[in-house]
Structure formats: C-alpha cells, structure tokens
C-alpha cells in the first residue's frame, strides 16, 4: 500500500492456500465445541491454492499499488505446494471457509488503510 517492493522468493510458482481470519476462528470454535472432534486431528484451513505470484499481483491490483515485484532465491526448504485437506472438517464439523480470496484481501487492505495512522 506504500508502493514498497513486494518480495517473492523463487519464481512465484509455489502454491499456498490463504484464509480470512474470521473463517479460521469460526473453524476453530466449531472444533472445540464439537464432541465428535475429541481425539481427532482436523485441518482448519483452505484447500483453494494460488501461486505466490498470483497473490502478489492480486494484492497490487486490489490495493491500487505501484509496487514492483522483486524475485529472490528460493530457500532450499520452501515447499512447492501447500494446501489443507478439509475432508474431516467438512465431515466432522460441517465446516469449510466461506470468504472468497478477493473479499478477504479487500477487508484486510481496508483494515490496514484505516489503521495506518495508528502505526
């Protein structure tokens, strides 16, 4: 938002899944209040994957940023792909995230803009 550089490690083709914080909290609360979840390991996350380069471009677009994307060497231990398996969350908790990526990013950008003066 300050038009500072956005650093991407590697070529940006590695994938990640992102989730809006409210969805994360709702998933965790469902988990702690669901007796069928006792003794279970359940992923609370998002299974929709995006490349890091896609995310950087999306943030630039939504924030109306002029930031330059710069690429740096990829750390050796950086995973190529990361995504949550939500089958147990859906089956046991009847839960999955509901906030779309653009919506969550817009809310996050708005929060940072509103709170920039307090930083």
N, C-alpha and C. Protein backbone atom coordinates (compact mmCIF):
# COMPACT_ATOMS: atom_id res chain seq x y z
N UNK A 1 0.82 -1.20 0.00
CA UNK A 1 0.00 0.00 0.00
C UNK A 1 0.85 1.25 0.00
N UNK A 2 2.11 1.10 0.41
CA UNK A 2 3.04 2.23 0.40
C UNK A 2 3.91 2.20 -0.85
N UNK A 3 3.53 1.38 -1.82
CA UNK A 3 4.27 1.21 -3.07
C UNK A 3 5.70 0.72 -2.83
N UNK A 4 5.90 0.01 -1.73
CA UNK A 4 7.20 -0.61 -1.46
C UNK A 4 7.30 -1.91 -2.24
N UNK A 5 8.51 -2.39 -2.43
CA UNK A 5 8.72 -3.63 -3.16
C UNK A 5 7.99 -4.80 -2.51
N UNK A 6 7.52 -5.71 -3.36
CA UNK A 6 6.95 -6.97 -2.89
C UNK A 6 7.97 -8.04 -3.24
N UNK A 7 8.47 -8.73 -2.24
CA UNK A 7 9.50 -9.75 -2.46
C UNK A 7 8.85 -11.11 -2.62
N UNK A 8 9.25 -11.80 -3.68
CA UNK A 8 8.84 -13.18 -3.91
C UNK A 8 10.10 -14.02 -3.93
N UNK A 9 10.09 -15.08 -3.16
CA UNK A 9 11.22 -16.00 -3.15
C UNK A 9 10.96 -17.09 -4.18
N UNK A 10 11.93 -17.30 -5.06
CA UNK A 10 11.76 -18.23 -6.17
C UNK A 10 11.08 -17.51 -7.32
N UNK A 11 10.45 -18.30 -8.20
CA UNK A 11 9.78 -17.70 -9.36
C UNK A 11 8.31 -17.40 -9.11
N UNK A 12 7.83 -17.71 -7.90
CA UNK A 12 6.45 -17.42 -7.55
C UNK A 12 5.47 -18.51 -7.95
N UNK A 13 5.97 -19.61 -8.47
CA UNK A 13 5.06 -20.68 -8.91
C UNK A 13 4.64 -21.60 -7.77
N UNK A 14 5.31 -21.51 -6.61
CA UNK A 14 4.91 -22.34 -5.49
C UNK A 14 3.51 -21.91 -5.04
N UNK A 15 2.73 -22.85 -4.56
CA UNK A 15 1.35 -22.56 -4.19
C UNK A 15 1.16 -22.55 -2.68
N UNK A 16 0.18 -21.76 -2.28
CA UNK A 16 -0.24 -21.70 -0.89
C UNK A 16 -1.75 -21.53 -0.90
N UNK A 17 -2.36 -21.83 0.24
CA UNK A 17 -3.79 -21.55 0.40
C UNK A 17 -3.92 -20.52 1.51
N UNK A 18 -4.77 -19.56 1.28
CA UNK A 18 -4.96 -18.46 2.22
C UNK A 18 -6.39 -18.46 2.71
N UNK A 19 -6.56 -18.01 3.95
CA UNK A 19 -7.90 -17.98 4.52
C UNK A 19 -8.07 -16.72 5.34
N UNK A 20 -9.25 -16.15 5.26
CA UNK A 20 -9.57 -14.96 6.03
C UNK A 20 -9.68 -15.34 7.50
N UNK A 21 -9.18 -14.50 8.37
CA UNK A 21 -9.06 -14.79 9.79
C UNK A 21 -10.41 -15.15 10.44
N UNK A 22 -11.49 -14.55 10.02
CA UNK A 22 -12.80 -14.87 10.60
C UNK A 22 -13.18 -16.32 10.32
N UNK A 23 -12.89 -16.80 9.12
CA UNK A 23 -13.15 -18.21 8.80
C UNK A 23 -12.32 -19.13 9.69
N UNK A 24 -11.06 -18.76 9.91
CA UNK A 24 -10.18 -19.56 10.77
C UNK A 24 -10.75 -19.66 12.19
N UNK A 25 -11.17 -18.54 12.73
CA UNK A 25 -11.72 -18.52 14.09
C UNK A 25 -13.00 -19.35 14.16
N UNK A 26 -13.87 -19.21 13.16
CA UNK A 26 -15.11 -20.00 13.15
C UNK A 26 -14.81 -21.49 13.11
N UNK A 27 -13.82 -21.89 12.30
CA UNK A 27 -13.44 -23.30 12.23
C UNK A 27 -12.91 -23.81 13.55
N UNK A 28 -12.06 -23.03 14.19
CA UNK A 28 -11.50 -23.44 15.49
C UNK A 28 -12.61 -23.55 16.53
N UNK A 29 -13.52 -22.58 16.56
CA UNK A 29 -14.62 -22.64 17.53
C UNK A 29 -15.52 -23.85 17.29
N UNK A 30 -15.79 -24.16 16.04
CA UNK A 30 -16.58 -25.37 15.75
C UNK A 30 -15.86 -26.61 16.27
N UNK A 31 -14.54 -26.63 16.07
CA UNK A 31 -13.75 -27.78 16.52
C UNK A 31 -13.80 -27.96 18.03
N UNK A 32 -13.60 -26.89 18.79
CA UNK A 32 -13.57 -27.03 20.25
C UNK A 32 -14.95 -27.30 20.85
N UNK A 33 -16.00 -27.02 20.10
CA UNK A 33 -17.35 -27.25 20.62
C UNK A 33 -18.00 -28.52 20.07
N UNK A 34 -17.28 -29.27 19.26
CA UNK A 34 -17.85 -30.47 18.65
C UNK A 34 -17.28 -31.71 19.33
N UNK A 35 -18.11 -32.45 20.04
CA UNK A 35 -17.63 -33.63 20.77
C UNK A 35 -17.09 -34.70 19.84
N UNK A 36 -17.58 -34.78 18.60
CA UNK A 36 -17.06 -35.78 17.65
C UNK A 36 -15.61 -35.47 17.26
N UNK A 37 -15.13 -34.27 17.58
CA UNK A 37 -13.76 -33.89 17.25
C UNK A 37 -12.74 -34.30 18.30
N UNK A 38 -13.21 -34.79 19.44
CA UNK A 38 -12.30 -35.17 20.52
C UNK A 38 -11.38 -36.29 20.03
N UNK A 39 -10.07 -36.08 20.20
CA UNK A 39 -9.08 -37.06 19.79
C UNK A 39 -8.76 -37.04 18.30
N UNK A 40 -9.39 -36.17 17.55
CA UNK A 40 -9.16 -36.07 16.11
C UNK A 40 -8.16 -34.96 15.79
N UNK A 41 -7.45 -35.13 14.72
CA UNK A 41 -6.62 -34.07 14.15
C UNK A 41 -7.36 -33.60 12.91
N UNK A 42 -7.75 -32.32 12.92
CA UNK A 42 -8.57 -31.78 11.83
C UNK A 42 -7.91 -30.51 11.30
N UNK A 43 -7.72 -30.46 10.00
CA UNK A 43 -7.17 -29.26 9.36
C UNK A 43 -8.23 -28.17 9.32
N UNK A 44 -7.88 -27.03 9.84
CA UNK A 44 -8.70 -25.83 9.71
C UNK A 44 -7.90 -24.92 8.78
N UNK A 45 -8.31 -24.86 7.56
CA UNK A 45 -7.55 -24.10 6.57
C UNK A 45 -8.39 -23.89 5.32
N UNK A 46 -7.72 -23.73 4.22
CA UNK A 46 -8.40 -23.56 2.93
C UNK A 46 -7.74 -24.50 1.94
N UNK A 47 -8.53 -25.10 1.09
CA UNK A 47 -7.98 -26.02 0.10
C UNK A 47 -7.86 -25.41 -1.29
N UNK A 48 -8.15 -24.13 -1.42
CA UNK A 48 -8.00 -23.45 -2.70
C UNK A 48 -6.57 -22.91 -2.79
N UNK A 49 -5.85 -23.34 -3.80
CA UNK A 49 -4.44 -22.96 -3.94
C UNK A 49 -4.27 -21.84 -4.95
N UNK A 50 -3.32 -20.97 -4.64
CA UNK A 50 -2.92 -19.89 -5.55
C UNK A 50 -1.41 -19.83 -5.57
N UNK A 51 -0.84 -19.43 -6.70
CA UNK A 51 0.61 -19.25 -6.71
C UNK A 51 0.93 -17.96 -5.96
N UNK A 52 2.14 -17.91 -5.44
CA UNK A 52 2.58 -16.71 -4.74
C UNK A 52 2.57 -15.52 -5.68
N UNK A 53 2.94 -15.73 -6.94
CA UNK A 53 2.92 -14.64 -7.91
C UNK A 53 1.50 -14.15 -8.15
N UNK A 54 0.52 -15.07 -8.22
CA UNK A 54 -0.88 -14.66 -8.38
C UNK A 54 -1.31 -13.78 -7.21
N UNK A 55 -0.94 -14.17 -6.00
CA UNK A 55 -1.32 -13.41 -4.81
C UNK A 55 -0.70 -12.02 -4.84
N UNK A 56 0.58 -11.94 -5.17
CA UNK A 56 1.24 -10.63 -5.23
C UNK A 56 0.56 -9.72 -6.25
N UNK A 57 0.25 -10.25 -7.42
CA UNK A 57 -0.42 -9.45 -8.45
C UNK A 57 -1.81 -9.04 -8.00
N UNK A 58 -2.51 -9.93 -7.34
CA UNK A 58 -3.87 -9.65 -6.85
C UNK A 58 -3.83 -8.54 -5.81
N UNK A 59 -2.88 -8.60 -4.89
CA UNK A 59 -2.76 -7.56 -3.86
C UNK A 59 -2.45 -6.21 -4.51
N UNK A 60 -1.53 -6.21 -5.47
CA UNK A 60 -1.21 -4.96 -6.18
C UNK A 60 -2.47 -4.37 -6.82
N UNK A 61 -3.23 -5.22 -7.47
CA UNK A 61 -4.45 -4.77 -8.15
C UNK A 61 -5.48 -4.21 -7.17
N UNK A 62 -5.77 -4.97 -6.12
CA UNK A 62 -6.81 -4.56 -5.18
C UNK A 62 -6.41 -3.35 -4.35
N UNK A 63 -5.12 -3.18 -4.11
CA UNK A 63 -4.64 -2.05 -3.31
C UNK A 63 -4.27 -0.85 -4.19
N UNK A 64 -4.48 -0.98 -5.49
CA UNK A 64 -4.07 0.07 -6.43
C UNK A 64 -2.62 0.47 -6.19
N UNK A 65 -1.77 -0.52 -6.09
CA UNK A 65 -0.38 -0.31 -5.75
C UNK A 65 0.50 -0.22 -7.00
N UNK A 66 1.54 0.55 -6.88
CA UNK A 66 2.55 0.65 -7.93
C UNK A 66 3.81 -0.13 -7.54
N UNK A 67 3.69 -0.96 -6.53
CA UNK A 67 4.83 -1.73 -6.04
C UNK A 67 5.44 -2.59 -7.14
N UNK A 68 6.76 -2.67 -7.09
CA UNK A 68 7.47 -3.56 -8.01
C UNK A 68 7.60 -4.91 -7.34
N UNK A 69 7.40 -5.97 -8.12
CA UNK A 69 7.61 -7.32 -7.61
C UNK A 69 9.05 -7.69 -7.90
N UNK A 70 9.77 -8.07 -6.84
CA UNK A 70 11.17 -8.47 -7.00
C UNK A 70 11.31 -9.93 -6.59
N UNK A 71 12.18 -10.61 -7.28
CA UNK A 71 12.39 -12.05 -7.04
C UNK A 71 13.74 -12.28 -6.39
N UNK A 72 13.74 -13.13 -5.37
CA UNK A 72 14.97 -13.50 -4.67
C UNK A 72 15.07 -15.03 -4.67
N UNK A 73 16.24 -15.56 -4.39
CA UNK A 73 16.41 -17.02 -4.43
C UNK A 73 15.45 -17.73 -3.47
N UNK A 74 14.96 -18.86 -3.92
CA UNK A 74 14.05 -19.68 -3.12
C UNK A 74 14.84 -20.44 -2.06
N UNK A 75 14.44 -20.35 -0.79
CA UNK A 75 15.12 -21.14 0.24
C UNK A 75 14.99 -22.64 -0.07
N UNK A 76 15.99 -23.40 0.30
CA UNK A 76 16.02 -24.83 0.00
C UNK A 76 14.82 -25.57 0.59
N UNK A 77 14.41 -25.21 1.79
CA UNK A 77 13.34 -25.94 2.48
C UNK A 77 11.94 -25.40 2.20
N UNK A 78 11.79 -24.51 1.23
CA UNK A 78 10.48 -23.93 0.93
C UNK A 78 9.63 -24.95 0.17
N UNK A 79 8.46 -25.32 0.69
CA UNK A 79 7.64 -26.31 -0.02
C UNK A 79 7.08 -25.75 -1.32
N UNK A 80 6.99 -26.62 -2.32
CA UNK A 80 6.47 -26.22 -3.63
C UNK A 80 4.96 -26.05 -3.58
N UNK A 81 4.33 -26.85 -2.73
CA UNK A 81 2.87 -26.83 -2.67
C UNK A 81 2.42 -26.95 -1.22
N UNK A 82 1.41 -26.17 -0.87
CA UNK A 82 0.84 -26.27 0.48
C UNK A 82 -0.65 -26.00 0.40
N UNK A 83 -1.42 -26.97 0.83
CA UNK A 83 -2.88 -26.85 0.82
C UNK A 83 -3.45 -27.78 1.87
N UNK A 84 -4.52 -27.36 2.51
CA UNK A 84 -5.14 -28.15 3.58
C UNK A 84 -6.12 -29.18 3.00
N UNK A 85 -6.15 -30.34 3.63
CA UNK A 85 -7.15 -31.36 3.31
C UNK A 85 -8.32 -31.13 4.26
N UNK A 86 -9.45 -30.75 3.72
CA UNK A 86 -10.60 -30.36 4.54
C UNK A 86 -11.67 -31.45 4.69
N UNK A 87 -11.39 -32.65 4.24
CA UNK A 87 -12.41 -33.70 4.29
C UNK A 87 -12.94 -33.94 5.70
N UNK A 88 -12.06 -34.02 6.68
CA UNK A 88 -12.51 -34.26 8.06
C UNK A 88 -13.25 -33.05 8.61
N UNK A 89 -12.82 -31.86 8.28
CA UNK A 89 -13.51 -30.65 8.76
C UNK A 89 -14.93 -30.62 8.21
N UNK A 90 -15.09 -30.98 6.96
CA UNK A 90 -16.43 -31.00 6.36
C UNK A 90 -17.29 -32.10 6.98
N UNK A 91 -16.70 -33.29 7.15
CA UNK A 91 -17.45 -34.44 7.64
C UNK A 91 -17.78 -34.33 9.13
N UNK A 92 -16.80 -33.99 9.94
CA UNK A 92 -17.00 -33.99 11.39
C UNK A 92 -17.58 -32.67 11.89
N UNK A 93 -17.10 -31.56 11.36
CA UNK A 93 -17.51 -30.25 11.86
C UNK A 93 -18.57 -29.57 10.99
N UNK A 94 -18.81 -30.14 9.82
CA UNK A 94 -19.69 -29.48 8.84
C UNK A 94 -19.21 -28.04 8.61
N UNK A 95 -17.89 -27.92 8.38
CA UNK A 95 -17.28 -26.61 8.24
C UNK A 95 -16.36 -26.55 7.03
N UNK A 96 -16.35 -25.41 6.41
CA UNK A 96 -15.36 -25.05 5.39
C UNK A 96 -15.34 -23.53 5.32
N UNK A 97 -14.23 -22.94 4.85
CA UNK A 97 -14.18 -21.48 4.78
C UNK A 97 -15.18 -20.94 3.77
N UNK A 98 -15.69 -19.75 4.02
CA UNK A 98 -16.71 -19.18 3.14
C UNK A 98 -16.28 -17.86 2.50
N UNK A 99 -15.24 -17.22 3.01
CA UNK A 99 -14.81 -15.93 2.47
C UNK A 99 -13.93 -16.14 1.25
N UNK A 100 -14.33 -15.56 0.13
CA UNK A 100 -13.55 -15.66 -1.10
C UNK A 100 -12.26 -14.85 -0.96
N UNK A 101 -11.24 -15.24 -1.71
CA UNK A 101 -9.94 -14.58 -1.62
C UNK A 101 -10.03 -13.08 -1.81
N UNK A 102 -10.67 -12.63 -2.90
CA UNK A 102 -10.76 -11.18 -3.15
C UNK A 102 -11.45 -10.44 -2.00
N UNK A 103 -12.51 -11.04 -1.47
CA UNK A 103 -13.25 -10.42 -0.37
C UNK A 103 -12.36 -10.29 0.87
N UNK A 104 -11.65 -11.36 1.21
CA UNK A 104 -10.78 -11.32 2.38
C UNK A 104 -9.64 -10.34 2.20
N UNK A 105 -9.06 -10.29 1.00
CA UNK A 105 -7.99 -9.33 0.74
C UNK A 105 -8.49 -7.90 0.83
N UNK A 106 -9.67 -7.64 0.28
CA UNK A 106 -10.22 -6.28 0.34
C UNK A 106 -10.48 -5.85 1.78
N UNK A 107 -11.01 -6.75 2.59
CA UNK A 107 -11.23 -6.43 4.01
C UNK A 107 -9.90 -6.17 4.72
N UNK A 108 -8.90 -6.96 4.40
CA UNK A 108 -7.59 -6.80 5.02
C UNK A 108 -6.94 -5.48 4.59
N UNK A 109 -7.01 -5.18 3.31
CA UNK A 109 -6.46 -3.93 2.80
C UNK A 109 -7.16 -2.74 3.45
N UNK A 110 -8.48 -2.80 3.54
CA UNK A 110 -9.25 -1.71 4.17
C UNK A 110 -8.83 -1.54 5.63
N UNK A 111 -8.64 -2.66 6.34
CA UNK A 111 -8.22 -2.57 7.74
C UNK A 111 -6.87 -1.87 7.85
N UNK A 112 -5.92 -2.26 7.01
CA UNK A 112 -4.60 -1.64 7.07
C UNK A 112 -4.67 -0.16 6.71
N UNK A 113 -5.48 0.20 5.73
CA UNK A 113 -5.63 1.61 5.38
C UNK A 113 -6.23 2.40 6.53
N UNK A 114 -7.25 1.84 7.18
CA UNK A 114 -7.90 2.51 8.30
C UNK A 114 -6.99 2.63 9.51
N UNK A 115 -6.07 1.70 9.67
CA UNK A 115 -5.24 1.67 10.87
C UNK A 115 -3.81 2.15 10.62
N UNK A 116 -3.50 2.60 9.42
CA UNK A 116 -2.14 3.04 9.09
C UNK A 116 -1.74 4.24 9.94
N UNK A 117 -2.67 5.10 10.23
CA UNK A 117 -2.36 6.31 11.01
C UNK A 117 -2.01 5.96 12.45
N UNK A 118 -2.42 4.78 12.93
CA UNK A 118 -2.17 4.37 14.31
C UNK A 118 -0.84 3.61 14.44
N UNK A 119 -0.11 3.44 13.36
CA UNK A 119 1.13 2.65 13.38
C UNK A 119 2.33 3.51 13.55
